[in-house]
Protein backbone atom coordinates (compact mmCIF):
# COMPACT_ATOMS: atom_id res chain seq x y z
CA UNK A 1 53.23 35.23 39.08
CA UNK A 2 56.07 36.10 36.70
CA UNK A 3 55.60 37.41 33.17
CA UNK A 4 56.58 35.26 30.22
CA UNK A 5 59.54 37.56 29.57
CA UNK A 6 60.76 37.10 33.15
CA UNK A 7 60.41 33.33 32.85
CA UNK A 8 62.40 33.34 29.60
CA UNK A 9 65.22 35.33 31.16
CA UNK A 10 65.27 33.24 34.36
CA UNK A 11 65.15 29.81 32.68
CA UNK A 12 66.94 30.36 29.38
CA UNK A 13 64.07 28.67 27.56
CA UNK A 14 62.80 30.23 24.36
CA UNK A 15 59.72 32.42 24.42
CA UNK A 16 57.91 29.83 22.29
CA UNK A 17 58.74 27.05 24.75
CA UNK A 18 57.53 29.10 27.71
CA UNK A 19 54.34 29.95 25.84
CA UNK A 20 53.80 26.24 25.10
CA UNK A 21 54.35 25.31 28.76
CA UNK A 22 51.81 27.92 29.85
CA UNK A 23 49.28 26.76 27.25
CA UNK A 24 49.71 23.14 28.35
CA UNK A 25 49.32 24.08 32.00
CA UNK A 26 46.22 26.16 31.19
CA UNK A 27 44.73 23.19 29.31
CA UNK A 28 45.23 20.87 32.26
CA UNK A 29 43.91 23.45 34.72
CA UNK A 30 40.73 24.16 32.77
CA UNK A 31 40.03 20.50 32.02
CA UNK A 32 40.47 19.63 35.70
CA UNK A 33 38.25 22.52 36.76
CA UNK A 34 35.57 21.20 34.39
CA UNK A 35 35.70 17.84 36.16
CA UNK A 36 37.64 15.84 33.59
CA UNK A 37 39.50 12.94 35.21
CA UNK A 38 43.31 12.89 34.91
CA UNK A 39 43.48 9.76 32.70
CA UNK A 40 41.22 11.44 30.16
CA UNK A 41 43.21 14.69 30.38
CA UNK A 42 46.30 12.64 29.58
CA UNK A 43 44.62 11.19 26.50
CA UNK A 44 43.22 14.53 25.32
CA UNK A 45 46.45 16.47 25.80
CA UNK A 46 48.84 13.70 24.78
CA UNK A 47 50.99 14.45 27.83
CA UNK A 48 52.37 11.93 30.28
CA UNK A 49 50.66 10.89 33.48
CA UNK A 50 53.70 12.18 35.34
CA UNK A 51 53.37 15.66 33.82
CA UNK A 52 49.62 15.78 34.47
CA UNK A 53 50.28 14.86 38.12
CA UNK A 54 52.99 17.51 38.39
CA UNK A 55 50.58 20.13 37.04
CA UNK A 56 47.90 18.92 39.48
CA UNK A 57 50.33 19.33 42.37
CA UNK A 58 51.10 22.88 41.26
CA UNK A 59 47.40 23.65 40.98
CA UNK A 60 46.82 22.34 44.51
CA UNK A 61 49.85 24.18 45.87
CA UNK A 62 48.77 27.53 44.42
CA UNK A 63 45.01 27.23 44.82
CA UNK A 64 44.79 29.95 47.46
CA UNK A 65 42.94 33.22 46.94
CA UNK A 66 46.17 35.12 46.34
CA UNK A 67 46.54 33.23 43.04
CA UNK A 68 42.93 33.54 41.86
CA UNK A 69 43.86 36.28 39.40
CA UNK A 70 46.57 34.14 37.82
CA UNK A 71 44.24 31.15 37.46
CA UNK A 72 41.62 33.44 35.94
CA UNK A 73 44.28 34.55 33.47
CA UNK A 74 45.02 30.89 32.66
CA UNK A 75 41.35 30.40 31.75
CA UNK A 76 41.62 33.35 29.36
CA UNK A 77 44.77 31.85 27.83
CA UNK A 78 42.93 28.55 27.36
CA UNK A 79 40.01 30.28 25.65
CA UNK A 80 42.21 32.41 23.37
CA UNK A 81 44.39 29.43 22.44
CA UNK A 82 41.36 27.33 21.53
CA UNK A 83 39.80 30.18 19.53
CA UNK A 84 43.00 30.42 17.49
CA UNK A 85 42.93 26.65 16.89
CA UNK A 86 39.31 26.80 15.70
CA UNK A 87 40.07 29.66 13.30
CA UNK A 88 42.81 27.71 11.55
């Protein structure tokens, strides 16, 4: 529930890295919510099985109603990121 700026200051990662992590997580979340199996998500995203599983654990851990707004925001990030890709 932290902003990207807060994450950058807490972790020391660059803004671009944090943005990439969020985009990757949003991709996994949306693909899972659409019923895509993890092995296919791994192939589509090019990420490791271990990372996909870690993201799945986070999704399960934070799936309560108090995080619904954040997951809704992740869907928006997914849609905006894919619109940008299609425009290029």
